[in-house]
Amino acid sequence: LNAAPRRPPRQQVRFLPTPAPDGGGAVELVPTRVPVLADHPLVRGPQYRRLKIGAGHRLDVKSSGVFVLGIGHGNKLLTDLYNCHLTKVYTVSGLFGKATDDFSDTGKLIEKTTFDHITREKLERIVAVIQGTNHKALLMYSNIDMKTQEAYELAVKGLIRPMEKSPPIITAIRCVHFALPEFQLEIQCLHETQQYLRKMVHEMGLELKSSAVCTQVRRTRDGVFTLDDALPRTQWDLRSIQDAIRNCRLKVKTELEKTL
């Protein structure tokens, strides 16, 4: 912001002594417009000294993907979006055959196991059990009578979700890639942490009579924001950020009106 072009300094009228036209050493005062020195960058200093920036749903150091920030008035919108309890989508990659102390492939190795007996069908059965268990939890924490018209209308709009704090809930999960020992899951969830997803990969390995570690956690969607809205490091400049705010404004407004 401070590197952007500044507005020209204000002008003020000063009466400056000027030699009289008829000469003879006489001086007269002439009204003249001059810049206000208080607006000079060397006097005023940086135009922007403090800018309030808020973080949305955080990402830990081992994760990547969509990370939403709020600037200025956007901090209030961040709070409103948080109160919507919108779902997030992750791509989670795993590796069968070993276990570590922090459930990631960079942690301290605890054990190695065999994995040749694991098939995609066995993995998808575990995935189905997880989805069924979490679906029951979703209905329980939503505090909605499923026999009412309200529940039907919310289900049609896809708005059935806990509107208060709840344990992590997986609203959808599927296997998108399987090639032993590697696999990849697409997980839609809310109220989660990235470490919770890594632990889930570890527990899936145990259920399959083996072990597994998480090799990657990548958030591909956070509420209304997707990877298409994200700015890579090469676009962390004023114009790109302004364009991103402008392009997302309508999506945020529509979601807040629909949910809140």
Protein backbone atom coordinates (compact mmCIF):
# COMPACT_ATOMS: atom_id res chain seq x y z
CA LEU A 1 0.00 0.00 0.00
CA ASN A 2 2.79 2.40 0.84
CA ALA A 3 4.41 1.67 -2.53
CA ALA A 4 1.24 2.77 -4.37
CA PRO A 5 1.14 6.30 -5.88
CA ARG A 6 0.29 8.91 -3.27
CA ARG A 7 -2.29 11.63 -3.67
CA PRO A 8 -0.70 14.99 -4.50
CA PRO A 9 -0.09 17.16 -1.42
CA ARG A 10 -2.67 19.74 -0.46
CA GLN A 11 -2.17 23.27 -1.70
CA GLN A 12 -2.28 26.40 0.44
CA VAL A 13 -2.15 30.13 -0.39
CA ARG A 14 0.88 32.01 0.91
CA PHE A 15 1.72 35.69 0.42
CA LEU A 16 5.31 35.63 -0.74
CA PRO A 17 7.55 38.68 -1.20
CA THR A 18 8.21 39.34 -4.88
CA PRO A 19 10.22 42.17 -6.53
CA ALA A 20 7.87 44.86 -7.80
CA PRO A 21 7.46 45.11 -11.59
CA ASP A 22 8.73 48.71 -11.70
CA GLY A 23 12.02 47.72 -10.09
CA GLY A 24 13.86 50.09 -7.81
CA GLY A 25 14.32 47.43 -5.15
CA ALA A 26 10.69 47.57 -4.05
CA VAL A 27 9.02 44.35 -2.85
CA GLU A 28 5.36 43.46 -2.84
CA LEU A 29 3.42 40.49 -1.42
CA VAL A 30 1.88 38.24 -4.08
CA PRO A 31 -0.60 35.42 -3.26
CA THR A 32 0.91 32.11 -4.39
CA ARG A 33 -0.28 28.49 -4.16
CA VAL A 34 2.35 26.23 -2.57
CA PRO A 35 2.22 22.57 -1.38
CA VAL A 36 1.60 21.87 2.31
CA LEU A 37 4.88 20.56 3.68
CA ALA A 38 3.03 18.53 6.31
CA ASP A 39 1.88 16.24 3.47
CA HIS A 40 5.43 15.60 2.27
CA PRO A 41 6.46 11.90 2.65
CA LEU A 42 9.62 12.87 4.54
CA VAL A 43 7.50 14.76 7.07
CA ARG A 44 4.39 12.60 7.27
CA GLY A 45 6.13 9.23 7.03
CA PRO A 46 4.41 6.07 5.72
CA GLN A 47 0.76 6.64 4.86
CA TYR A 48 -0.28 3.21 6.23
CA ARG A 49 1.16 2.33 9.62
CA ARG A 50 -1.40 -0.18 10.88
CA LEU A 51 -3.61 -2.60 8.97
CA LYS A 52 -5.87 -5.08 10.76
CA ILE A 53 -5.66 -8.55 9.21
CA GLY A 54 -7.59 -11.55 10.57
CA ALA A 55 -7.10 -15.25 9.86
CA GLY A 56 -9.99 -17.59 9.09
CA HIS A 57 -9.78 -21.36 9.58
CA ARG A 58 -6.09 -21.89 10.17
CA LEU A 59 -3.68 -24.29 8.47
CA ASP A 60 -0.81 -25.86 10.38
CA VAL A 61 2.75 -25.86 9.06
CA LYS A 62 2.43 -29.29 7.43
CA SER A 63 -0.70 -28.41 5.44
CA SER A 64 -1.36 -26.39 2.31
CA GLY A 65 -4.25 -25.04 0.27
CA VAL A 66 -6.96 -22.43 0.75
CA PHE A 67 -6.30 -20.08 3.67
CA VAL A 68 -8.76 -17.18 4.04
CA LEU A 69 -7.69 -13.78 5.41
CA GLY A 70 -9.81 -10.76 6.26
CA ILE A 71 -8.54 -7.19 5.80
CA GLY A 72 -10.12 -4.23 7.57
CA HIS A 73 -13.92 -4.59 7.39
CA GLY A 74 -13.34 -8.14 6.15
CA ASN A 75 -12.59 -9.19 9.73
CA LYS A 76 -16.27 -8.84 10.60
CA LEU A 77 -17.18 -10.90 7.54
CA LEU A 78 -14.75 -13.58 8.73
CA THR A 79 -16.69 -13.80 11.99
CA ASP A 80 -20.00 -14.02 10.11
CA LEU A 81 -18.63 -16.78 7.86
CA TYR A 82 -17.37 -18.64 10.93
CA ASN A 83 -20.89 -18.49 12.42
CA CYS A 84 -22.25 -20.09 9.22
CA HIS A 85 -20.31 -23.29 10.08
CA LEU A 86 -19.57 -23.98 6.41
CA THR A 87 -17.94 -27.23 5.35
CA LYS A 88 -14.38 -27.51 4.08
CA VAL A 89 -12.92 -29.98 1.58
CA TYR A 90 -9.49 -31.61 1.86
CA THR A 91 -7.40 -33.88 -0.30
CA VAL A 92 -5.61 -36.22 2.10
CA SER A 93 -2.86 -38.56 0.90
CA GLY A 94 -1.69 -41.57 2.87
CA LEU A 95 0.89 -44.33 2.80
CA PHE A 96 0.34 -47.85 4.15
CA GLY A 97 3.06 -49.82 5.85
CA LYS A 98 4.42 -47.63 8.64
CA ALA A 99 3.38 -45.66 11.72
CA THR A 100 4.93 -42.56 13.27
CA ASP A 101 4.52 -40.63 16.51
CA ASP A 102 2.66 -37.70 14.89
CA PHE A 103 0.77 -39.68 12.18
CA SER A 104 2.69 -37.91 9.37
CA ASP A 105 5.40 -39.32 7.11
CA THR A 106 7.94 -36.87 8.61
CA GLY A 107 7.45 -38.05 12.20
CA LYS A 108 9.54 -40.47 14.22
CA LEU A 109 9.10 -44.01 12.89
CA ILE A 110 7.43 -46.33 15.41
CA GLU A 111 6.77 -49.50 13.41
CA LYS A 112 6.60 -51.02 9.96
CA THR A 113 3.84 -53.40 8.87
CA THR A 114 2.78 -55.43 5.85
CA PHE A 115 0.08 -54.06 3.56
CA ASP A 116 -0.19 -56.54 0.67
CA HIS A 117 -3.54 -57.83 1.98
CA ILE A 118 -5.21 -54.40 1.63
CA THR A 119 -7.50 -53.89 -1.36
CA ARG A 120 -9.48 -50.92 -2.57
CA GLU A 121 -12.71 -52.72 -1.66
CA LYS A 122 -11.56 -53.14 1.97
CA LEU A 123 -10.56 -49.49 2.14
CA GLU A 124 -13.89 -48.33 0.75
CA ARG A 125 -15.74 -50.43 3.34
CA ILE A 126 -13.90 -48.55 6.08
CA VAL A 127 -14.73 -45.28 4.31
CA ALA A 128 -18.43 -46.23 4.23
CA VAL A 129 -18.43 -47.01 7.97
CA ILE A 130 -16.83 -43.62 8.74
CA GLN A 131 -19.39 -41.81 6.62
CA GLY A 132 -22.33 -43.61 8.23
CA THR A 133 -21.10 -42.94 11.77
CA ASN A 134 -20.50 -39.26 11.07
CA HIS A 135 -23.88 -38.88 9.34
CA LYS A 136 -25.59 -39.91 12.57
CA ALA A 137 -23.45 -37.42 14.51
CA LEU A 138 -24.34 -34.69 12.01
CA LEU A 139 -28.07 -35.20 12.58
CA MET A 140 -27.62 -35.36 16.34
CA TYR A 141 -25.66 -32.10 16.62
CA SER A 142 -27.88 -30.26 14.13
CA ASN A 143 -30.70 -30.19 16.70
CA ILE A 144 -33.33 -30.53 13.95
CA ASP A 145 -36.40 -32.75 14.02
CA MET A 146 -35.92 -34.78 10.84
CA LYS A 147 -39.69 -35.32 10.53
CA THR A 148 -40.47 -31.63 10.05
CA GLN A 149 -40.89 -29.51 6.93
CA GLU A 150 -38.01 -27.34 8.12
CA ALA A 151 -35.66 -30.33 8.03
CA TYR A 152 -36.77 -31.18 4.50
CA GLU A 153 -36.19 -27.64 3.25
CA LEU A 154 -32.78 -27.43 4.89
CA ALA A 155 -31.80 -30.79 3.41
CA VAL A 156 -32.77 -29.62 -0.08
CA LYS A 157 -30.60 -26.52 0.33
CA GLY A 158 -27.75 -28.52 1.83
CA LEU A 159 -27.90 -26.53 5.07
CA ILE A 160 -28.15 -29.35 7.59
CA ARG A 161 -25.13 -28.81 9.80
CA PRO A 162 -24.39 -27.95 13.43
CA MET A 163 -24.86 -24.24 13.99
CA GLU A 164 -22.91 -24.41 17.26
CA LYS A 165 -19.59 -25.91 18.22
CA SER A 166 -19.41 -29.69 17.86
CA PRO A 167 -16.77 -32.41 17.59
CA PRO A 168 -15.17 -32.83 14.13
CA ILE A 169 -17.74 -34.21 11.68
CA ILE A 170 -17.05 -35.83 8.30
CA THR A 171 -19.97 -34.98 6.01
CA ALA A 172 -18.59 -36.85 2.97
CA ILE A 173 -15.55 -39.01 2.26
CA ARG A 174 -14.43 -41.04 -0.74
CA CYS A 175 -11.32 -42.73 -2.08
CA VAL A 176 -10.10 -40.98 -5.24
CA HIS A 177 -6.83 -42.86 -5.76
CA PHE A 178 -5.53 -46.29 -4.73
CA ALA A 179 -2.17 -47.76 -5.74
CA LEU A 180 -0.50 -49.70 -2.93
CA PRO A 181 1.06 -48.55 -0.74
CA GLU A 182 -0.33 -45.10 -1.61
CA PHE A 183 -3.93 -43.87 -1.43
CA GLN A 184 -5.75 -40.57 -1.54
CA LEU A 185 -9.03 -39.46 0.04
CA GLU A 186 -11.32 -36.53 -0.60
CA ILE A 187 -12.88 -35.43 2.70
CA GLN A 188 -15.64 -32.89 3.29
CA CYS A 189 -15.88 -31.92 6.93
CA LEU A 190 -16.42 -29.20 9.51
CA HIS A 191 -14.97 -28.30 12.91
CA GLU A 192 -11.89 -30.37 12.10
CA THR A 193 -8.17 -29.81 12.50
CA GLN A 194 -5.52 -31.05 10.11
CA GLN A 195 -4.07 -33.21 12.87
CA TYR A 196 -7.48 -34.85 13.32
CA LEU A 197 -7.40 -35.86 9.63
CA ARG A 198 -3.90 -37.31 10.01
CA LYS A 199 -5.02 -39.33 13.03
CA MET A 200 -8.00 -40.61 11.02
CA VAL A 201 -5.60 -41.94 8.35
CA HIS A 202 -3.64 -43.69 11.12
CA GLU A 203 -6.82 -45.28 12.52
CA MET A 204 -7.89 -46.44 9.05
CA GLY A 205 -4.58 -48.28 8.79
CA LEU A 206 -5.23 -50.02 12.11
CA GLU A 207 -8.73 -51.02 11.01
CA LEU A 208 -7.18 -52.66 7.94
CA LYS A 209 -4.80 -54.73 10.13
CA SER A 210 -1.86 -52.61 9.06
CA SER A 211 -0.63 -49.06 9.67
CA ALA A 212 -0.68 -45.83 7.71
CA VAL A 213 0.79 -42.34 7.79
CA CYS A 214 -0.45 -39.14 6.22
CA THR A 215 1.82 -37.72 3.51
CA GLN A 216 -0.20 -34.64 2.52
CA VAL A 217 -3.15 -32.56 3.72
CA ARG A 218 -4.37 -29.98 1.21
CA ARG A 219 -7.46 -27.85 1.68
CA THR A 220 -9.19 -27.38 -1.67
CA ARG A 221 -12.24 -25.47 -0.43
CA ASP A 222 -13.08 -23.40 2.63
CA GLY A 223 -16.77 -22.49 2.58
CA VAL A 224 -17.34 -20.38 -0.54
CA PHE A 225 -13.62 -20.06 -1.31
CA THR A 226 -11.92 -22.54 -3.65
CA LEU A 227 -8.45 -23.00 -5.11
CA ASP A 228 -9.51 -20.79 -8.04
CA ASP A 229 -9.87 -17.89 -5.58
CA ALA A 230 -6.48 -18.45 -3.96
CA LEU A 231 -3.46 -16.29 -4.71
CA PRO A 232 -0.06 -18.00 -5.08
CA ARG A 233 2.95 -16.24 -3.61
CA THR A 234 3.81 -14.66 -6.97
CA GLN A 235 0.52 -12.72 -6.82
CA TRP A 236 0.86 -11.26 -3.34
CA ASP A 237 0.65 -7.69 -4.55
CA LEU A 238 -1.83 -4.85 -4.14
CA ARG A 239 -3.61 -5.18 -7.49
CA SER A 240 -4.10 -8.97 -7.21
CA ILE A 241 -5.40 -8.69 -3.65
CA GLN A 242 -7.82 -5.92 -4.64
CA ASP A 243 -9.10 -8.05 -7.55
CA ALA A 244 -9.52 -11.08 -5.27
CA ILE A 245 -11.56 -9.09 -2.74
CA ARG A 246 -13.72 -7.64 -5.51
CA ASN A 247 -14.33 -11.04 -7.14
CA CYS A 248 -15.30 -12.78 -3.87
CA ARG A 249 -17.54 -10.04 -2.50
CA LEU A 250 -20.74 -11.30 -4.16
CA LYS A 251 -20.15 -14.93 -3.15
CA VAL A 252 -19.66 -13.98 0.48
CA LYS A 253 -22.73 -11.74 0.54
CA THR A 254 -24.92 -14.44 -1.08
CA GLU A 255 -23.77 -17.13 1.39
CA LEU A 256 -24.33 -14.92 4.43
CA GLU A 257 -27.86 -14.01 3.27
CA LYS A 258 -28.68 -17.66 2.61
CA THR A 259 -27.35 -19.06 5.86
CA LEU A 260 -27.69 -16.38 8.53
